């Protein structure tokens, strides 16, 4: 198994700065804009994006936390019982522009589960997707609107975002079998 650093802390910082500016530009500001992070790394990235957007626009963008555990399509086939954690979206999603935030986009199944979860909580005007990494290999018709970096991978490879909020140095690692 080989490990390769695909993004260091500066690369992640630059990607998040670009995504924040793209969100502002495409939304024409922050009106009706909310960020919802998918547990766990998506939450950290959503919070970072909110700070960056505030630095530019001087207005707060609310951040919610979405746990998708009960919406996963593999919940019954998993050997271990997944831990269900709290969803915390302390604002109404109805008629909001929701930017769903995750670390790595792969098959699209996590995003499908997240959209199901969001729709149970309200009726957003629009749902957009922001990801730090898009590694391809979609199984569902899901496309990110904002991408930090595209990393083509083999299907069995893994891509992991390690973030300081979880006790790591900010990096994105690609692991491939030899």
C-alpha atoms as a PDB file:
ATOM      1  CA  UNK A   1       0.000   0.000   0.000  1.00  0.00           C
ATOM      2  CA  UNK A   2       1.433   3.359  -1.005  1.00  0.00           C
ATOM      3  CA  UNK A   3       0.393   6.675   0.462  1.00  0.00           C
ATOM      4  CA  UNK A   4       0.688   9.933  -1.402  1.00  0.00           C
ATOM      5  CA  UNK A   5      -0.122  13.403  -0.109  1.00  0.00           C
ATOM      6  CA  UNK A   6      -2.453  14.979  -2.670  1.00  0.00           C
ATOM      7  CA  UNK A   7      -3.049  18.265  -0.808  1.00  0.00           C
ATOM      8  CA  UNK A   8      -1.189  19.862   2.053  1.00  0.00           C
ATOM      9  CA  UNK A   9      -2.575  22.483   4.432  1.00  0.00           C
ATOM     10  CA  UNK A  10      -1.861  25.347   2.015  1.00  0.00           C
ATOM     11  CA  UNK A  11      -3.554  23.462  -0.826  1.00  0.00           C
ATOM     12  CA  UNK A  12      -6.628  22.890   1.311  1.00  0.00           C
ATOM     13  CA  UNK A  13      -6.648  26.550   2.362  1.00  0.00           C
ATOM     14  CA  UNK A  14      -6.421  27.740  -1.260  1.00  0.00           C
ATOM     15  CA  UNK A  15      -9.178  25.346  -2.346  1.00  0.00           C
ATOM     16  CA  UNK A  16     -11.511  26.528   0.420  1.00  0.00           C
ATOM     17  CA  UNK A  17     -10.785  30.189  -0.402  1.00  0.00           C
ATOM     18  CA  UNK A  18     -11.691  29.543  -4.041  1.00  0.00           C
ATOM     19  CA  UNK A  19     -14.851  27.604  -3.142  1.00  0.00           C
ATOM     20  CA  UNK A  20     -15.966  30.372  -0.751  1.00  0.00           C
ATOM     21  CA  UNK A  21     -15.536  33.008  -3.466  1.00  0.00           C
ATOM     22  CA  UNK A  22     -17.359  30.842  -6.026  1.00  0.00           C
ATOM     23  CA  UNK A  23     -20.273  30.351  -3.623  1.00  0.00           C
ATOM     24  CA  UNK A  24     -20.541  34.107  -3.058  1.00  0.00           C
ATOM     25  CA  UNK A  25     -20.278  34.886  -6.763  1.00  0.00           C
ATOM     26  CA  UNK A  26     -22.797  32.312  -7.984  1.00  0.00           C
ATOM     27  CA  UNK A  27     -25.251  33.182  -5.200  1.00  0.00           C
ATOM     28  CA  UNK A  28     -24.718  36.934  -5.768  1.00  0.00           C
ATOM     29  CA  UNK A  29     -23.967  37.395  -2.073  1.00  0.00           C
ATOM     30  CA  UNK A  30     -25.201  35.586   1.004  1.00  0.00           C
ATOM     31  CA  UNK A  31     -28.942  36.233   0.980  1.00  0.00           C
ATOM     32  CA  UNK A  32     -30.889  33.064   1.872  1.00  0.00           C
ATOM     33  CA  UNK A  33     -27.605  31.111   1.908  1.00  0.00           C
ATOM     34  CA  UNK A  34     -26.944  28.357   4.453  1.00  0.00           C
ATOM     35  CA  UNK A  35     -24.226  25.715   4.686  1.00  0.00           C
ATOM     36  CA  UNK A  36     -24.922  22.174   5.863  1.00  0.00           C
ATOM     37  CA  UNK A  37     -21.960  19.928   6.602  1.00  0.00           C
ATOM     38  CA  UNK A  38     -22.208  16.159   6.414  1.00  0.00           C
ATOM     39  CA  UNK A  39     -20.749  14.575   9.536  1.00  0.00           C
ATOM     40  CA  UNK A  40     -17.851  14.568  10.252  1.00  0.00           C
ATOM     41  CA  UNK A  41     -15.346  16.285   7.963  1.00  0.00           C
ATOM     42  CA  UNK A  42     -18.051  18.062   5.986  1.00  0.00           C
ATOM     43  CA  UNK A  43     -19.040  19.901   9.152  1.00  0.00           C
ATOM     44  CA  UNK A  44     -15.506  21.191   9.707  1.00  0.00           C
ATOM     45  CA  UNK A  45     -15.233  22.284   6.082  1.00  0.00           C
ATOM     46  CA  UNK A  46     -18.640  24.020   6.216  1.00  0.00           C
ATOM     47  CA  UNK A  47     -17.562  25.957   9.296  1.00  0.00           C
ATOM     48  CA  UNK A  48     -14.331  27.009   7.602  1.00  0.00           C
ATOM     49  CA  UNK A  49     -16.257  28.117   4.510  1.00  0.00           C
ATOM     50  CA  UNK A  50     -18.650  30.137   6.669  1.00  0.00           C
ATOM     51  CA  UNK A  51     -15.708  32.002   8.233  1.00  0.00           C
ATOM     52  CA  UNK A  52     -14.178  32.691   4.811  1.00  0.00           C
ATOM     53  CA  UNK A  53     -17.478  33.928   3.390  1.00  0.00           C
ATOM     54  CA  UNK A  54     -17.929  36.236   6.389  1.00  0.00           C
ATOM     55  CA  UNK A  55     -14.438  37.684   5.847  1.00  0.00           C
ATOM     56  CA  UNK A  56     -15.451  38.689   2.314  1.00  0.00           C
ATOM     57  CA  UNK A  57     -19.145  39.551   2.677  1.00  0.00           C
ATOM     58  CA  UNK A  58     -19.199  40.735   6.318  1.00  0.00           C
ATOM     59  CA  UNK A  59     -22.340  38.679   6.968  1.00  0.00           C
ATOM     60  CA  UNK A  60     -22.875  35.448   8.856  1.00  0.00           C
ATOM     61  CA  UNK A  61     -23.792  32.309   6.938  1.00  0.00           C
ATOM     62  CA  UNK A  62     -25.463  29.768   9.232  1.00  0.00           C
ATOM     63  CA  UNK A  63     -23.954  26.291   9.428  1.00  0.00           C
ATOM     64  CA  UNK A  64     -25.934  23.144  10.116  1.00  0.00           C
ATOM     65  CA  UNK A  65     -24.804  19.600  10.878  1.00  0.00           C
ATOM     66  CA  UNK A  66     -26.363  16.640   9.092  1.00  0.00           C
ATOM     67  CA  UNK A  67     -25.969  13.036  10.218  1.00  0.00           C
ATOM     68  CA  UNK A  68     -26.917  10.709   7.355  1.00  0.00           C
ATOM     69  CA  UNK A  69     -26.519   7.396   9.175  1.00  0.00           C
ATOM     70  CA  UNK A  70     -30.200   6.437   9.044  1.00  0.00           C
ATOM     71  CA  UNK A  71     -30.478   7.457   5.383  1.00  0.00           C
ATOM     72  CA  UNK A  72     -27.647   5.244   4.125  1.00  0.00           C
ATOM     73  CA  UNK A  73     -28.631   2.543   1.653  1.00  0.00           C
ATOM     74  CA  UNK A  74     -26.150   0.074   3.178  1.00  0.00           C
ATOM     75  CA  UNK A  75     -27.275   0.364   6.798  1.00  0.00           C
ATOM     76  CA  UNK A  76     -28.788  -3.139   6.853  1.00  0.00           C
ATOM     77  CA  UNK A  77     -25.792  -4.786   5.166  1.00  0.00           C
ATOM     78  CA  UNK A  78     -23.134  -3.442   7.540  1.00  0.00           C
ATOM     79  CA  UNK A  79     -21.654  -5.854  10.060  1.00  0.00           C
ATOM     80  CA  UNK A  80     -21.362  -3.294  12.840  1.00  0.00           C
ATOM     81  CA  UNK A  81     -24.183  -1.054  13.918  1.00  0.00           C
ATOM     82  CA  UNK A  82     -23.276   2.502  12.952  1.00  0.00           C
ATOM     83  CA  UNK A  83     -23.382   5.162  15.624  1.00  0.00           C
ATOM     84  CA  UNK A  84     -26.200   7.614  15.036  1.00  0.00           C
ATOM     85  CA  UNK A  85     -25.191  11.130  15.968  1.00  0.00           C
ATOM     86  CA  UNK A  86     -27.158  14.320  16.209  1.00  0.00           C
ATOM     87  CA  UNK A  87     -28.337  16.346  13.262  1.00  0.00           C
ATOM     88  CA  UNK A  88     -28.295  20.010  14.265  1.00  0.00           C
ATOM     89  CA  UNK A  89     -29.806  22.411  11.775  1.00  0.00           C
ATOM     90  CA  UNK A  90     -31.040  25.311  13.934  1.00  0.00           C
ATOM     91  CA  UNK A  91     -32.654  27.205  11.061  1.00  0.00           C
ATOM     92  CA  UNK A  92     -35.482  26.652   8.611  1.00  0.00           C
ATOM     93  CA  UNK A  93     -34.367  25.198   5.277  1.00  0.00           C
ATOM     94  CA  UNK A  94     -37.519  26.247   3.440  1.00  0.00           C
ATOM     95  CA  UNK A  95     -36.734  28.544   0.496  1.00  0.00           C
ATOM     96  CA  UNK A  96     -33.026  28.639   1.386  1.00  0.00           C
ATOM     97  CA  UNK A  97     -30.082  28.059  -0.916  1.00  0.00           C
ATOM     98  CA  UNK A  98     -28.449  25.117   0.826  1.00  0.00           C
ATOM     99  CA  UNK A  99     -24.830  24.330   0.096  1.00  0.00           C
ATOM    100  CA  UNK A 100     -24.244  20.767   1.211  1.00  0.00           C
ATOM    101  CA  UNK A 101     -20.578  20.305   2.178  1.00  0.00           C
ATOM    102  CA  UNK A 102     -18.553  17.084   2.266  1.00  0.00           C
ATOM    103  CA  UNK A 103     -14.892  16.149   2.122  1.00  0.00           C
ATOM    104  CA  UNK A 104     -14.677  13.472  -0.605  1.00  0.00           C
ATOM    105  CA  UNK A 105     -17.178  12.769  -3.382  1.00  0.00           C
ATOM    106  CA  UNK A 106     -16.955   9.179  -4.601  1.00  0.00           C
ATOM    107  CA  UNK A 107     -19.990   7.061  -5.556  1.00  0.00           C
ATOM    108  CA  UNK A 108     -22.621   9.713  -4.819  1.00  0.00           C
ATOM    109  CA  UNK A 109     -24.455   7.523  -2.309  1.00  0.00           C
ATOM    110  CA  UNK A 110     -23.563   9.707   0.682  1.00  0.00           C
ATOM    111  CA  UNK A 111     -24.894  12.760  -1.141  1.00  0.00           C
ATOM    112  CA  UNK A 112     -28.126  10.965  -2.057  1.00  0.00           C
ATOM    113  CA  UNK A 113     -28.594  10.083   1.606  1.00  0.00           C
ATOM    114  CA  UNK A 114     -27.845  13.677   2.607  1.00  0.00           C
ATOM    115  CA  UNK A 115     -30.412  15.065   0.168  1.00  0.00           C
ATOM    116  CA  UNK A 116     -33.031  12.661   1.574  1.00  0.00           C
ATOM    117  CA  UNK A 117     -32.184  13.921   5.053  1.00  0.00           C
ATOM    118  CA  UNK A 118     -32.432  17.560   4.002  1.00  0.00           C
ATOM    119  CA  UNK A 119     -35.797  17.050   2.337  1.00  0.00           C
ATOM    120  CA  UNK A 120     -37.169  15.566   5.566  1.00  0.00           C
ATOM    121  CA  UNK A 121     -36.259  18.825   7.313  1.00  0.00           C
ATOM    122  CA  UNK A 122     -37.705  21.346   4.862  1.00  0.00           C
ATOM    123  CA  UNK A 123     -38.025  22.358   1.236  1.00  0.00           C
ATOM    124  CA  UNK A 124     -34.936  24.273   0.120  1.00  0.00           C
ATOM    125  CA  UNK A 125     -35.195  26.549  -2.904  1.00  0.00           C
ATOM    126  CA  UNK A 126     -31.960  25.038  -4.186  1.00  0.00           C
ATOM    127  CA  UNK A 127     -29.400  22.469  -3.057  1.00  0.00           C
ATOM    128  CA  UNK A 128     -25.802  22.856  -4.219  1.00  0.00           C
ATOM    129  CA  UNK A 129     -22.869  20.587  -3.428  1.00  0.00           C
ATOM    130  CA  UNK A 130     -19.384  21.646  -2.349  1.00  0.00           C
ATOM    131  CA  UNK A 131     -16.644  19.044  -1.913  1.00  0.00           C
ATOM    132  CA  UNK A 132     -12.970  19.322  -1.141  1.00  0.00           C
ATOM    133  CA  UNK A 133     -12.134  16.316  -3.350  1.00  0.00           C
ATOM    134  CA  UNK A 134     -13.928  14.711  -6.296  1.00  0.00           C
ATOM    135  CA  UNK A 135     -12.376  11.325  -7.022  1.00  0.00           C
ATOM    136  CA  UNK A 136     -14.825  10.072  -9.644  1.00  0.00           C
ATOM    137  CA  UNK A 137     -16.399   6.595  -9.867  1.00  0.00           C
ATOM    138  CA  UNK A 138     -20.003   7.726  -9.510  1.00  0.00           C
ATOM    139  CA  UNK A 139     -22.734   5.124  -9.052  1.00  0.00           C
ATOM    140  CA  UNK A 140     -25.501   7.726  -8.955  1.00  0.00           C
ATOM    141  CA  UNK A 141     -26.041  10.838 -11.105  1.00  0.00           C
ATOM    142  CA  UNK A 142     -24.475  13.282  -8.650  1.00  0.00           C
ATOM    143  CA  UNK A 143     -22.186  16.170  -9.593  1.00  0.00           C
ATOM    144  CA  UNK A 144     -20.519  18.709  -7.332  1.00  0.00           C
ATOM    145  CA  UNK A 145     -21.111  22.408  -7.998  1.00  0.00           C
ATOM    146  CA  UNK A 146     -17.960  23.459  -6.167  1.00  0.00           C
ATOM    147  CA  UNK A 147     -14.834  21.276  -6.171  1.00  0.00           C
ATOM    148  CA  UNK A 148     -11.555  21.932  -4.396  1.00  0.00           C
ATOM    149  CA  UNK A 149      -9.610  19.397  -6.443  1.00  0.00           C
ATOM    150  CA  UNK A 150     -10.336  16.549  -8.846  1.00  0.00           C
ATOM    151  CA  UNK A 151      -8.204  13.503  -8.081  1.00  0.00           C
ATOM    152  CA  UNK A 152      -8.587  10.654 -10.572  1.00  0.00           C
ATOM    153  CA  UNK A 153      -8.220   7.368  -8.716  1.00  0.00           C
ATOM    154  CA  UNK A 154      -8.517   3.659  -9.261  1.00  0.00           C
ATOM    155  CA  UNK A 155     -11.710   2.260  -7.812  1.00  0.00           C
ATOM    156  CA  UNK A 156     -10.062   0.295  -4.958  1.00  0.00           C
ATOM    157  CA  UNK A 157      -7.924   3.269  -3.897  1.00  0.00           C
ATOM    158  CA  UNK A 158      -8.984   5.410  -0.954  1.00  0.00           C
ATOM    159  CA  UNK A 159      -8.851   9.152  -0.461  1.00  0.00           C
ATOM    160  CA  UNK A 160      -8.953  10.558   3.049  1.00  0.00           C
ATOM    161  CA  UNK A 161      -9.114  14.158   4.213  1.00  0.00           C
ATOM    162  CA  UNK A 162      -7.319  14.583   7.528  1.00  0.00           C
ATOM    163  CA  UNK A 163      -8.251  17.822   9.273  1.00  0.00           C
ATOM    164  CA  UNK A 164      -6.885  19.722  12.250  1.00  0.00           C
ATOM    165  CA  UNK A 165     -10.310  19.662  13.939  1.00  0.00           C
ATOM    166  CA  UNK A 166      -9.886  15.885  14.208  1.00  0.00           C
ATOM    167  CA  UNK A 167      -6.360  16.153  15.628  1.00  0.00           C
ATOM    168  CA  UNK A 168      -4.407  15.775  12.370  1.00  0.00           C
ATOM    169  CA  UNK A 169      -2.331  18.090  10.230  1.00  0.00           C
ATOM    170  CA  UNK A 170      -4.496  19.252   7.315  1.00  0.00           C
ATOM    171  CA  UNK A 171      -3.760  16.888   4.430  1.00  0.00           C
ATOM    172  CA  UNK A 172      -5.504  14.836   1.777  1.00  0.00           C
ATOM    173  CA  UNK A 173      -4.010  11.367   1.355  1.00  0.00           C
ATOM    174  CA  UNK A 174      -4.388   8.918  -1.508  1.00  0.00           C
ATOM    175  CA  UNK A 175      -3.805   5.267  -0.593  1.00  0.00           C
ATOM    176  CA  UNK A 176      -3.330   2.768  -3.407  1.00  0.00           C
ATOM    177  CA  UNK A 177      -2.410  -0.886  -3.449  1.00  0.00           C
ATOM    178  CA  UNK A 178       0.753  -1.783  -5.319  1.00  0.00           C
END
